[in-house]
């Protein structure tokens, strides 16, 4: 073998060693990284377990949440209309008007539970009640994030994961899809941004959500079948909307009003606030004097305020060793 051949073999051997060492170090680095990740994950899991073992007592507002229609005081007519709208074979979209703290959210939850028990209702026993607060349902006009309608996590965004590394867009379902087959309750629906309102109207018409992404191509064979199906056929979003608002009807866009039945919850009367106060005290095992009830009647304007006053009074009574407020 001549010198040229020997030199060539030597160079080949050298590069083979270098490449082998490179991949060996890479493998060691991956193993070390994996060990480090596992160690960090174990620490975080321990923290999570410790946090989950800590729980505070249930707030009085949770304990006194109505568990039956009889516990929703003063809204007999509103409840009758709400049940008629949702408990039949053809449930409707609804907007519930009324002041804060009169039982709009509790009524919506209870109506769905009643509808699920009706043999003529299309709501299955597994139907979900998905709640969204319009005052905090912020979204990005570019479609990066939208908790109401849904969005697409494109590969360019941080945390796109294995699919993102492969250049595959990832649809993220919003509340309208999570509520599929059930009820979507939007608190303060009048506070929704006009863009979100228009998108919601489109979903109510189509009963599905169509998402878009510049990274999606029907010809891309790397895209998984379920993602292709979502982009081609949309995400299911067949639900019934219950929107609650403290605004007046004229403040709600006509387009959404025209698609919904309108139900009105009225302000509570003083004697109805007294009933709520007595019920709240009873649920926490305290008696309540007539003078305390009269004070709550005088200053509370709704059920939530009455419950909050009872909670403060209970705290004072406990501090003084009394069982009555």
C-alpha atoms as a PDB file:
ATOM      1  CA  UNK A   1       0.000   0.000   0.000  1.00  0.00           C
ATOM      2  CA  UNK A   2       1.462   3.361  -0.991  1.00  0.00           C
ATOM      3  CA  UNK A   3       1.807   6.331   1.291  1.00  0.00           C
ATOM      4  CA  UNK A   4      -1.261   8.046  -0.181  1.00  0.00           C
ATOM      5  CA  UNK A   5      -3.475   5.081   0.680  1.00  0.00           C
ATOM      6  CA  UNK A   6      -2.043   4.878   4.170  1.00  0.00           C
ATOM      7  CA  UNK A   7      -2.603   8.593   4.703  1.00  0.00           C
ATOM      8  CA  UNK A   8      -6.187   8.295   3.455  1.00  0.00           C
ATOM      9  CA  UNK A   9      -6.895   5.411   5.820  1.00  0.00           C
ATOM     10  CA  UNK A  10      -5.335   7.332   8.669  1.00  0.00           C
ATOM     11  CA  UNK A  11      -7.532  10.340   7.942  1.00  0.00           C
ATOM     12  CA  UNK A  12     -10.590   8.097   7.769  1.00  0.00           C
ATOM     13  CA  UNK A  13      -9.682   6.509  11.071  1.00  0.00           C
ATOM     14  CA  UNK A  14      -9.128   9.935  12.628  1.00  0.00           C
ATOM     15  CA  UNK A  15     -12.522  11.220  11.502  1.00  0.00           C
ATOM     16  CA  UNK A  16     -14.193   7.997  12.615  1.00  0.00           C
ATOM     17  CA  UNK A  17     -12.702   8.446  16.084  1.00  0.00           C
ATOM     18  CA  UNK A  18     -13.723  12.124  16.188  1.00  0.00           C
ATOM     19  CA  UNK A  19     -17.283  11.346  15.093  1.00  0.00           C
ATOM     20  CA  UNK A  20     -17.495   8.452  17.536  1.00  0.00           C
ATOM     21  CA  UNK A  21     -16.294  10.643  20.398  1.00  0.00           C
ATOM     22  CA  UNK A  22     -18.764  13.349  19.361  1.00  0.00           C
ATOM     23  CA  UNK A  23     -21.746  11.005  19.468  1.00  0.00           C
ATOM     24  CA  UNK A  24     -20.488   9.414  22.688  1.00  0.00           C
ATOM     25  CA  UNK A  25     -20.283  12.823  24.357  1.00  0.00           C
ATOM     26  CA  UNK A  26     -23.678  13.733  22.915  1.00  0.00           C
ATOM     27  CA  UNK A  27     -25.178  10.548  24.355  1.00  0.00           C
ATOM     28  CA  UNK A  28     -23.567  11.205  27.725  1.00  0.00           C
ATOM     29  CA  UNK A  29     -24.865  14.773  27.627  1.00  0.00           C
ATOM     30  CA  UNK A  30     -28.378  13.579  26.872  1.00  0.00           C
ATOM     31  CA  UNK A  31     -28.190  11.036  29.676  1.00  0.00           C
ATOM     32  CA  UNK A  32     -26.885  13.661  32.078  1.00  0.00           C
ATOM     33  CA  UNK A  33     -29.585  16.070  30.949  1.00  0.00           C
ATOM     34  CA  UNK A  34     -32.231  13.395  31.418  1.00  0.00           C
ATOM     35  CA  UNK A  35     -30.951  12.611  34.908  1.00  0.00           C
ATOM     36  CA  UNK A  36     -31.001  16.329  35.738  1.00  0.00           C
ATOM     37  CA  UNK A  37     -34.544  16.699  34.380  1.00  0.00           C
ATOM     38  CA  UNK A  38     -35.731  13.646  36.326  1.00  0.00           C
ATOM     39  CA  UNK A  39     -34.138  14.985  39.501  1.00  0.00           C
ATOM     40  CA  UNK A  40     -35.754  18.398  39.019  1.00  0.00           C
ATOM     41  CA  UNK A  41     -39.096  16.775  38.195  1.00  0.00           C
ATOM     42  CA  UNK A  42     -38.909  14.705  41.381  1.00  0.00           C
ATOM     43  CA  UNK A  43     -38.285  17.832  43.461  1.00  0.00           C
ATOM     44  CA  UNK A  44     -41.204  19.639  41.831  1.00  0.00           C
ATOM     45  CA  UNK A  45     -43.486  16.627  42.333  1.00  0.00           C
ATOM     46  CA  UNK A  46     -42.621  16.623  46.037  1.00  0.00           C
ATOM     47  CA  UNK A  47     -43.520  20.321  46.212  1.00  0.00           C
ATOM     48  CA  UNK A  48     -46.827  19.668  44.450  1.00  0.00           C
ATOM     49  CA  UNK A  49     -47.662  16.828  46.853  1.00  0.00           C
ATOM     50  CA  UNK A  50     -46.902  19.054  49.842  1.00  0.00           C
ATOM     51  CA  UNK A  51     -49.074  21.852  48.422  1.00  0.00           C
ATOM     52  CA  UNK A  52     -51.970  19.483  47.724  1.00  0.00           C
ATOM     53  CA  UNK A  53     -51.916  18.260  51.327  1.00  0.00           C
ATOM     54  CA  UNK A  54     -52.670  21.816  52.477  1.00  0.00           C
ATOM     55  CA  UNK A  55     -56.267  22.981  52.239  1.00  0.00           C
ATOM     56  CA  UNK A  56     -58.160  25.800  53.904  1.00  0.00           C
ATOM     57  CA  UNK A  57     -61.713  25.658  55.149  1.00  0.00           C
ATOM     58  CA  UNK A  58     -64.478  26.191  52.608  1.00  0.00           C
ATOM     59  CA  UNK A  59     -65.584  29.846  52.342  1.00  0.00           C
ATOM     60  CA  UNK A  60     -69.104  30.595  53.516  1.00  0.00           C
ATOM     61  CA  UNK A  61     -69.988  31.764  50.005  1.00  0.00           C
ATOM     62  CA  UNK A  62     -69.261  28.218  48.792  1.00  0.00           C
ATOM     63  CA  UNK A  63     -71.148  26.544  51.629  1.00  0.00           C
ATOM     64  CA  UNK A  64     -74.223  28.672  50.994  1.00  0.00           C
ATOM     65  CA  UNK A  65     -74.260  28.209  47.211  1.00  0.00           C
ATOM     66  CA  UNK A  66     -77.792  27.056  46.293  1.00  0.00           C
ATOM     67  CA  UNK A  67     -78.071  23.314  45.716  1.00  0.00           C
ATOM     68  CA  UNK A  68     -81.753  23.381  44.745  1.00  0.00           C
ATOM     69  CA  UNK A  69     -84.168  25.791  43.106  1.00  0.00           C
ATOM     70  CA  UNK A  70     -85.874  26.365  46.464  1.00  0.00           C
ATOM     71  CA  UNK A  71     -82.665  27.958  47.765  1.00  0.00           C
ATOM     72  CA  UNK A  72     -82.660  30.606  45.027  1.00  0.00           C
ATOM     73  CA  UNK A  73     -84.755  33.246  46.727  1.00  0.00           C
ATOM     74  CA  UNK A  74     -87.023  35.721  44.963  1.00  0.00           C
ATOM     75  CA  UNK A  75     -86.557  34.569  41.359  1.00  0.00           C
ATOM     76  CA  UNK A  76     -89.543  32.289  40.811  1.00  0.00           C
ATOM     77  CA  UNK A  77     -90.558  33.897  37.511  1.00  0.00           C
ATOM     78  CA  UNK A  78     -87.000  34.021  36.177  1.00  0.00           C
ATOM     79  CA  UNK A  79     -86.398  30.376  37.109  1.00  0.00           C
ATOM     80  CA  UNK A  80     -89.627  29.334  35.431  1.00  0.00           C
ATOM     81  CA  UNK A  81     -88.561  31.029  32.189  1.00  0.00           C
ATOM     82  CA  UNK A  82     -85.026  29.622  32.381  1.00  0.00           C
ATOM     83  CA  UNK A  83     -86.263  26.071  32.899  1.00  0.00           C
ATOM     84  CA  UNK A  84     -88.705  26.431  30.014  1.00  0.00           C
ATOM     85  CA  UNK A  85     -85.863  27.581  27.759  1.00  0.00           C
ATOM     86  CA  UNK A  86     -83.418  24.778  28.578  1.00  0.00           C
ATOM     87  CA  UNK A  87     -85.224  21.735  29.954  1.00  0.00           C
ATOM     88  CA  UNK A  88     -87.305  20.847  26.908  1.00  0.00           C
ATOM     89  CA  UNK A  89     -86.445  18.800  23.810  1.00  0.00           C
ATOM     90  CA  UNK A  90     -85.190  21.909  21.977  1.00  0.00           C
ATOM     91  CA  UNK A  91     -83.100  23.972  24.413  1.00  0.00           C
ATOM     92  CA  UNK A  92     -82.442  27.589  23.481  1.00  0.00           C
ATOM     93  CA  UNK A  93     -79.612  30.060  23.927  1.00  0.00           C
ATOM     94  CA  UNK A  94     -80.382  32.432  26.811  1.00  0.00           C
ATOM     95  CA  UNK A  95     -79.303  35.814  28.145  1.00  0.00           C
ATOM     96  CA  UNK A  96     -80.051  36.359  31.843  1.00  0.00           C
ATOM     97  CA  UNK A  97     -80.307  39.987  32.967  1.00  0.00           C
ATOM     98  CA  UNK A  98     -80.165  41.004  36.592  1.00  0.00           C
ATOM     99  CA  UNK A  99     -78.174  42.742  39.334  1.00  0.00           C
ATOM    100  CA  UNK A 100     -75.151  41.001  40.878  1.00  0.00           C
ATOM    101  CA  UNK A 101     -75.608  38.470  43.655  1.00  0.00           C
ATOM    102  CA  UNK A 102     -79.179  37.356  42.863  1.00  0.00           C
ATOM    103  CA  UNK A 103     -78.407  33.778  41.748  1.00  0.00           C
ATOM    104  CA  UNK A 104     -77.854  33.918  37.985  1.00  0.00           C
ATOM    105  CA  UNK A 105     -74.855  31.563  37.961  1.00  0.00           C
ATOM    106  CA  UNK A 106     -76.361  29.156  40.494  1.00  0.00           C
ATOM    107  CA  UNK A 107     -79.607  29.033  38.525  1.00  0.00           C
ATOM    108  CA  UNK A 108     -77.769  28.213  35.299  1.00  0.00           C
ATOM    109  CA  UNK A 109     -75.928  25.319  36.960  1.00  0.00           C
ATOM    110  CA  UNK A 110     -79.085  23.891  38.496  1.00  0.00           C
ATOM    111  CA  UNK A 111     -81.071  24.165  35.267  1.00  0.00           C
ATOM    112  CA  UNK A 112     -78.484  22.094  33.399  1.00  0.00           C
ATOM    113  CA  UNK A 113     -78.581  19.437  36.128  1.00  0.00           C
ATOM    114  CA  UNK A 114     -82.371  19.304  35.868  1.00  0.00           C
ATOM    115  CA  UNK A 115     -82.244  19.154  32.065  1.00  0.00           C
ATOM    116  CA  UNK A 116     -79.867  16.177  32.189  1.00  0.00           C
ATOM    117  CA  UNK A 117     -82.480  14.225  34.153  1.00  0.00           C
ATOM    118  CA  UNK A 118     -85.232  14.866  31.622  1.00  0.00           C
ATOM    119  CA  UNK A 119     -85.814  11.969  29.171  1.00  0.00           C
ATOM    120  CA  UNK A 120     -86.749  14.424  26.403  1.00  0.00           C
ATOM    121  CA  UNK A 121     -83.636  16.571  26.803  1.00  0.00           C
ATOM    122  CA  UNK A 122     -80.726  16.262  24.345  1.00  0.00           C
ATOM    123  CA  UNK A 123     -78.275  16.912  27.206  1.00  0.00           C
ATOM    124  CA  UNK A 124     -76.509  13.689  28.168  1.00  0.00           C
ATOM    125  CA  UNK A 125     -75.666  12.870  31.809  1.00  0.00           C
ATOM    126  CA  UNK A 126     -72.056  13.735  30.971  1.00  0.00           C
ATOM    127  CA  UNK A 127     -72.946  17.228  29.667  1.00  0.00           C
ATOM    128  CA  UNK A 128     -70.511  19.831  30.987  1.00  0.00           C
ATOM    129  CA  UNK A 129     -71.091  23.268  32.471  1.00  0.00           C
ATOM    130  CA  UNK A 130     -68.208  25.436  31.271  1.00  0.00           C
ATOM    131  CA  UNK A 131     -67.916  28.850  32.879  1.00  0.00           C
ATOM    132  CA  UNK A 132     -66.065  31.850  31.440  1.00  0.00           C
ATOM    133  CA  UNK A 133     -65.762  35.374  32.824  1.00  0.00           C
ATOM    134  CA  UNK A 134     -65.897  37.828  29.916  1.00  0.00           C
ATOM    135  CA  UNK A 135     -64.102  40.511  31.931  1.00  0.00           C
ATOM    136  CA  UNK A 136     -60.893  38.458  32.019  1.00  0.00           C
ATOM    137  CA  UNK A 137     -61.240  36.489  28.760  1.00  0.00           C
ATOM    138  CA  UNK A 138     -58.441  38.364  27.051  1.00  0.00           C
ATOM    139  CA  UNK A 139     -57.352  37.343  23.585  1.00  0.00           C
ATOM    140  CA  UNK A 140     -54.739  38.156  20.957  1.00  0.00           C
ATOM    141  CA  UNK A 141     -56.040  39.634  17.699  1.00  0.00           C
ATOM    142  CA  UNK A 142     -53.395  37.622  15.834  1.00  0.00           C
ATOM    143  CA  UNK A 143     -55.037  34.418  17.064  1.00  0.00           C
ATOM    144  CA  UNK A 144     -52.104  33.335  19.252  1.00  0.00           C
ATOM    145  CA  UNK A 145     -54.363  32.850  22.284  1.00  0.00           C
ATOM    146  CA  UNK A 146     -58.140  32.923  22.610  1.00  0.00           C
ATOM    147  CA  UNK A 147     -59.663  31.164  25.643  1.00  0.00           C
ATOM    148  CA  UNK A 148     -63.183  31.534  24.233  1.00  0.00           C
ATOM    149  CA  UNK A 149     -62.925  30.395  20.609  1.00  0.00           C
ATOM    150  CA  UNK A 150     -59.596  28.522  20.577  1.00  0.00           C
ATOM    151  CA  UNK A 151     -56.290  29.149  18.855  1.00  0.00           C
ATOM    152  CA  UNK A 152     -53.422  27.518  16.984  1.00  0.00           C
ATOM    153  CA  UNK A 153     -49.995  27.040  18.544  1.00  0.00           C
ATOM    154  CA  UNK A 154     -47.720  27.556  15.560  1.00  0.00           C
ATOM    155  CA  UNK A 155     -44.229  25.987  15.411  1.00  0.00           C
ATOM    156  CA  UNK A 156     -42.490  29.355  15.833  1.00  0.00           C
ATOM    157  CA  UNK A 157     -43.749  29.757  19.400  1.00  0.00           C
ATOM    158  CA  UNK A 158     -41.795  28.675  22.436  1.00  0.00           C
ATOM    159  CA  UNK A 159     -42.887  25.376  23.923  1.00  0.00           C
ATOM    160  CA  UNK A 160     -44.294  24.005  20.673  1.00  0.00           C
ATOM    161  CA  UNK A 161     -42.963  20.538  21.595  1.00  0.00           C
ATOM    162  CA  UNK A 162     -42.207  17.625  19.252  1.00  0.00           C
ATOM    163  CA  UNK A 163     -44.973  18.574  16.816  1.00  0.00           C
ATOM    164  CA  UNK A 164     -43.669  22.118  16.652  1.00  0.00           C
ATOM    165  CA  UNK A 165     -40.145  20.882  15.967  1.00  0.00           C
ATOM    166  CA  UNK A 166     -41.596  18.972  13.019  1.00  0.00           C
ATOM    167  CA  UNK A 167     -43.213  22.162  11.725  1.00  0.00           C
ATOM    168  CA  UNK A 168     -46.755  21.064  12.618  1.00  0.00           C
ATOM    169  CA  UNK A 169     -49.320  23.605  13.926  1.00  0.00           C
ATOM    170  CA  UNK A 170     -51.244  22.511  17.024  1.00  0.00           C
ATOM    171  CA  UNK A 171     -54.915  23.500  17.485  1.00  0.00           C
ATOM    172  CA  UNK A 172     -55.848  24.463  21.055  1.00  0.00           C
ATOM    173  CA  UNK A 173     -59.578  24.107  21.872  1.00  0.00           C
ATOM    174  CA  UNK A 174     -61.357  27.030  23.497  1.00  0.00           C
ATOM    175  CA  UNK A 175     -64.321  27.176  25.869  1.00  0.00           C
ATOM    176  CA  UNK A 176     -66.818  26.748  23.009  1.00  0.00           C
ATOM    177  CA  UNK A 177     -65.343  23.325  22.212  1.00  0.00           C
ATOM    178  CA  UNK A 178     -64.927  22.307  25.857  1.00  0.00           C
ATOM    179  CA  UNK A 179     -68.650  23.013  26.309  1.00  0.00           C
ATOM    180  CA  UNK A 180     -69.631  20.787  23.352  1.00  0.00           C
ATOM    181  CA  UNK A 181     -72.800  18.905  24.250  1.00  0.00           C
ATOM    182  CA  UNK A 182     -73.386  21.031  27.347  1.00  0.00           C
ATOM    183  CA  UNK A 183     -73.732  24.635  28.471  1.00  0.00           C
ATOM    184  CA  UNK A 184     -71.305  27.518  28.029  1.00  0.00           C
ATOM    185  CA  UNK A 185     -71.969  30.097  30.737  1.00  0.00           C
ATOM    186  CA  UNK A 186     -70.422  33.497  30.001  1.00  0.00           C
ATOM    187  CA  UNK A 187     -70.569  35.839  32.969  1.00  0.00           C
ATOM    188  CA  UNK A 188     -70.823  39.532  32.055  1.00  0.00           C
ATOM    189  CA  UNK A 189     -71.291  38.655  28.398  1.00  0.00           C
ATOM    190  CA  UNK A 190     -71.733  42.345  27.607  1.00  0.00           C
ATOM    191  CA  UNK A 191     -68.028  42.872  28.339  1.00  0.00           C
ATOM    192  CA  UNK A 192     -66.858  40.644  25.478  1.00  0.00           C
ATOM    193  CA  UNK A 193     -64.696  42.370  22.878  1.00  0.00           C
ATOM    194  CA  UNK A 194     -66.557  43.015  19.626  1.00  0.00           C
ATOM    195  CA  UNK A 195     -64.184  40.693  17.735  1.00  0.00           C
ATOM    196  CA  UNK A 196     -64.871  37.872  20.200  1.00  0.00           C
ATOM    197  CA  UNK A 197     -68.595  38.559  20.000  1.00  0.00           C
ATOM    198  CA  UNK A 198     -68.559  38.264  16.206  1.00  0.00           C
ATOM    199  CA  UNK A 199     -66.587  35.020  16.394  1.00  0.00           C
ATOM    200  CA  UNK A 200     -69.028  33.665  18.971  1.00  0.00           C
ATOM    201  CA  UNK A 201     -71.969  34.468  16.694  1.00  0.00           C
ATOM    202  CA  UNK A 202     -70.300  32.531  13.888  1.00  0.00           C
ATOM    203  CA  UNK A 203     -69.805  29.534  16.184  1.00  0.00           C
ATOM    204  CA  UNK A 204     -73.453  29.653  17.263  1.00  0.00           C
ATOM    205  CA  UNK A 205     -74.459  29.488  13.598  1.00  0.00           C
ATOM    206  CA  UNK A 206     -72.022  26.776  12.469  1.00  0.00           C
ATOM    207  CA  UNK A 207     -71.891  24.774  15.726  1.00  0.00           C
ATOM    208  CA  UNK A 208     -68.214  24.204  15.023  1.00  0.00           C
ATOM    209  CA  UNK A 209     -64.968  26.192  15.087  1.00  0.00           C
ATOM    210  CA  UNK A 210     -62.692  26.621  12.104  1.00  0.00           C
ATOM    211  CA  UNK A 211     -59.091  27.538  12.897  1.00  0.00           C
ATOM    212  CA  UNK A 212     -56.448  28.830  10.522  1.00  0.00           C
ATOM    213  CA  UNK A 213     -52.663  28.648  10.388  1.00  0.00           C
ATOM    214  CA  UNK A 214     -50.111  29.733   7.805  1.00  0.00           C
ATOM    215  CA  UNK A 215     -48.203  26.553   8.709  1.00  0.00           C
ATOM    216  CA  UNK A 216     -51.006  24.207   7.684  1.00  0.00           C
ATOM    217  CA  UNK A 217     -50.992  22.661   4.232  1.00  0.00           C
ATOM    218  CA  UNK A 218     -53.394  19.888   3.186  1.00  0.00           C
ATOM    219  CA  UNK A 219     -50.586  18.412   1.079  1.00  0.00           C
ATOM    220  CA  UNK A 220     -48.222  18.053   4.053  1.00  0.00           C
ATOM    221  CA  UNK A 221     -48.019  14.303   4.732  1.00  0.00           C
ATOM    222  CA  UNK A 222     -46.286  14.900   8.092  1.00  0.00           C
ATOM    223  CA  UNK A 223     -49.419  16.379   9.660  1.00  0.00           C
ATOM    224  CA  UNK A 224     -51.201  13.818  11.895  1.00  0.00           C
ATOM    225  CA  UNK A 225     -54.663  12.721  10.811  1.00  0.00           C
ATOM    226  CA  UNK A 226     -56.455  14.290  13.795  1.00  0.00           C
ATOM    227  CA  UNK A 227     -54.901  17.718  13.173  1.00  0.00           C
ATOM    228  CA  UNK A 228     -55.717  17.497   9.474  1.00  0.00           C
ATOM    229  CA  UNK A 229     -59.308  16.618  10.397  1.00  0.00           C
ATOM    230  CA  UNK A 230     -59.552  19.637  12.714  1.00  0.00           C
ATOM    231  CA  UNK A 231     -58.374  22.053  10.024  1.00  0.00           C
ATOM    232  CA  UNK A 232     -60.579  20.489   7.358  1.00  0.00           C
ATOM    233  CA  UNK A 233     -63.792  19.865   9.343  1.00  0.00           C
ATOM    234  CA  UNK A 234     -63.479  22.150  12.365  1.00  0.00           C
ATOM    235  CA  UNK A 235     -63.666  21.506  16.106  1.00  0.00           C
ATOM    236  CA  UNK A 236     -67.107  20.483  17.458  1.00  0.00           C
ATOM    237  CA  UNK A 237     -68.857  23.316  19.316  1.00  0.00           C
ATOM    238  CA  UNK A 238     -72.529  22.382  19.656  1.00  0.00           C
ATOM    239  CA  UNK A 239     -73.607  23.810  23.006  1.00  0.00           C
ATOM    240  CA  UNK A 240     -76.213  26.077  24.529  1.00  0.00           C
ATOM    241  CA  UNK A 241     -75.122  29.529  25.558  1.00  0.00           C
ATOM    242  CA  UNK A 242     -76.219  31.140  28.805  1.00  0.00           C
ATOM    243  CA  UNK A 243     -74.958  34.689  29.018  1.00  0.00           C
ATOM    244  CA  UNK A 244     -75.355  36.603  32.275  1.00  0.00           C
ATOM    245  CA  UNK A 245     -75.108  40.365  32.491  1.00  0.00           C
ATOM    246  CA  UNK A 246     -75.775  43.250  34.856  1.00  0.00           C
ATOM    247  CA  UNK A 247     -76.272  45.554  31.869  1.00  0.00           C
ATOM    248  CA  UNK A 248     -79.564  46.634  30.345  1.00  0.00           C
ATOM    249  CA  UNK A 249     -80.816  44.866  27.191  1.00  0.00           C
ATOM    250  CA  UNK A 250     -80.109  47.900  25.009  1.00  0.00           C
ATOM    251  CA  UNK A 251     -76.420  47.640  25.976  1.00  0.00           C
ATOM    252  CA  UNK A 252     -76.118  44.146  24.458  1.00  0.00           C
ATOM    253  CA  UNK A 253     -75.435  43.865  20.690  1.00  0.00           C
ATOM    254  CA  UNK A 254     -78.686  43.173  18.790  1.00  0.00           C
ATOM    255  CA  UNK A 255     -77.034  40.330  16.853  1.00  0.00           C
ATOM    256  CA  UNK A 256     -76.506  38.250  19.996  1.00  0.00           C
ATOM    257  CA  UNK A 257     -79.880  39.229  21.496  1.00  0.00           C
ATOM    258  CA  UNK A 258     -81.707  38.054  18.378  1.00  0.00           C
ATOM    259  CA  UNK A 259     -80.295  34.538  18.845  1.00  0.00           C
ATOM    260  CA  UNK A 260     -81.165  34.244  22.530  1.00  0.00           C
ATOM    261  CA  UNK A 261     -84.218  34.139  24.736  1.00  0.00           C
ATOM    262  CA  UNK A 262     -84.096  36.880  27.351  1.00  0.00           C
ATOM    263  CA  UNK A 263     -84.742  36.090  31.013  1.00  0.00           C
ATOM    264  CA  UNK A 264     -84.879  38.707  33.762  1.00  0.00           C
ATOM    265  CA  UNK A 265     -83.868  38.261  37.404  1.00  0.00           C
ATOM    266  CA  UNK A 266     -85.132  41.090  39.613  1.00  0.00           C
ATOM    267  CA  UNK A 267     -83.481  42.853  42.570  1.00  0.00           C
ATOM    268  CA  UNK A 268     -84.136  41.217  45.924  1.00  0.00           C
ATOM    269  CA  UNK A 269     -86.568  42.656  48.446  1.00  0.00           C
ATOM    270  CA  UNK A 270     -85.484  43.236  52.074  1.00  0.00           C
ATOM    271  CA  UNK A 271     -87.438  40.269  53.444  1.00  0.00           C
ATOM    272  CA  UNK A 272     -85.829  38.020  50.790  1.00  0.00           C
ATOM    273  CA  UNK A 273     -82.376  39.189  51.835  1.00  0.00           C
ATOM    274  CA  UNK A 274     -83.377  38.292  55.398  1.00  0.00           C
ATOM    275  CA  UNK A 275     -84.203  34.735  54.302  1.00  0.00           C
ATOM    276  CA  UNK A 276     -80.784  34.417  52.626  1.00  0.00           C
ATOM    277  CA  UNK A 277     -79.048  35.692  55.776  1.00  0.00           C
ATOM    278  CA  UNK A 278     -80.885  33.202  57.990  1.00  0.00           C
ATOM    279  CA  UNK A 279     -80.091  30.333  55.609  1.00  0.00           C
ATOM    280  CA  UNK A 280     -76.411  31.297  55.535  1.00  0.00           C
ATOM    281  CA  UNK A 281     -76.166  31.354  59.326  1.00  0.00           C
ATOM    282  CA  UNK A 282     -77.955  28.011  59.560  1.00  0.00           C
ATOM    283  CA  UNK A 283     -75.564  26.354  57.109  1.00  0.00           C
ATOM    284  CA  UNK A 284     -72.561  27.243  59.278  1.00  0.00           C
ATOM    285  CA  UNK A 285     -74.279  26.152  62.486  1.00  0.00           C
ATOM    286  CA  UNK A 286     -74.879  29.589  64.000  1.00  0.00           C
ATOM    287  CA  UNK A 287     -78.039  31.208  65.261  1.00  0.00           C
ATOM    288  CA  UNK A 288     -78.888  34.725  64.153  1.00  0.00           C
ATOM    289  CA  UNK A 289     -80.842  37.314  66.111  1.00  0.00           C
ATOM    290  CA  UNK A 290     -83.679  39.387  64.699  1.00  0.00           C
ATOM    291  CA  UNK A 291     -81.650  42.552  65.219  1.00  0.00           C
ATOM    292  CA  UNK A 292     -78.766  41.137  63.169  1.00  0.00           C
ATOM    293  CA  UNK A 293     -81.182  40.174  60.403  1.00  0.00           C
ATOM    294  CA  UNK A 294     -82.678  43.676  60.453  1.00  0.00           C
ATOM    295  CA  UNK A 295     -79.218  45.195  60.119  1.00  0.00           C
ATOM    296  CA  UNK A 296     -78.395  42.980  57.150  1.00  0.00           C
ATOM    297  CA  UNK A 297     -81.765  43.846  55.564  1.00  0.00           C
ATOM    298  CA  UNK A 298     -80.940  47.521  55.911  1.00  0.00           C
ATOM    299  CA  UNK A 299     -77.460  47.471  54.375  1.00  0.00           C
ATOM    300  CA  UNK A 300     -77.247  44.485  52.001  1.00  0.00           C
ATOM    301  CA  UNK A 301     -78.527  45.021  48.462  1.00  0.00           C
ATOM    302  CA  UNK A 302     -78.165  41.437  47.217  1.00  0.00           C
ATOM    303  CA  UNK A 303     -77.648  37.882  48.377  1.00  0.00           C
ATOM    304  CA  UNK A 304     -73.874  37.921  48.030  1.00  0.00           C
ATOM    305  CA  UNK A 305     -73.561  40.979  50.266  1.00  0.00           C
ATOM    306  CA  UNK A 306     -75.853  39.360  52.829  1.00  0.00           C
ATOM    307  CA  UNK A 307     -73.722  36.201  52.909  1.00  0.00           C
ATOM    308  CA  UNK A 308     -70.531  38.268  53.247  1.00  0.00           C
ATOM    309  CA  UNK A 309     -72.014  40.160  56.194  1.00  0.00           C
ATOM    310  CA  UNK A 310     -72.990  36.896  57.865  1.00  0.00           C
ATOM    311  CA  UNK A 311     -69.465  35.584  57.338  1.00  0.00           C
ATOM    312  CA  UNK A 312     -67.931  38.622  59.042  1.00  0.00           C
ATOM    313  CA  UNK A 313     -70.443  38.403  61.885  1.00  0.00           C
ATOM    314  CA  UNK A 314     -69.679  34.693  62.369  1.00  0.00           C
ATOM    315  CA  UNK A 315     -65.982  35.503  62.634  1.00  0.00           C
ATOM    316  CA  UNK A 316     -66.670  38.115  65.306  1.00  0.00           C
ATOM    317  CA  UNK A 317     -68.984  35.766  67.214  1.00  0.00           C
ATOM    318  CA  UNK A 318     -66.402  32.979  67.183  1.00  0.00           C
ATOM    319  CA  UNK A 319     -63.769  35.369  68.506  1.00  0.00           C
ATOM    320  CA  UNK A 320     -66.081  36.277  71.371  1.00  0.00           C
ATOM    321  CA  UNK A 321     -67.071  32.674  72.065  1.00  0.00           C
ATOM    322  CA  UNK A 322     -70.699  33.102  70.992  1.00  0.00           C
ATOM    323  CA  UNK A 323     -72.820  30.708  68.938  1.00  0.00           C
ATOM    324  CA  UNK A 324     -75.270  33.376  67.793  1.00  0.00           C
ATOM    325  CA  UNK A 325     -74.787  36.517  65.762  1.00  0.00           C
END
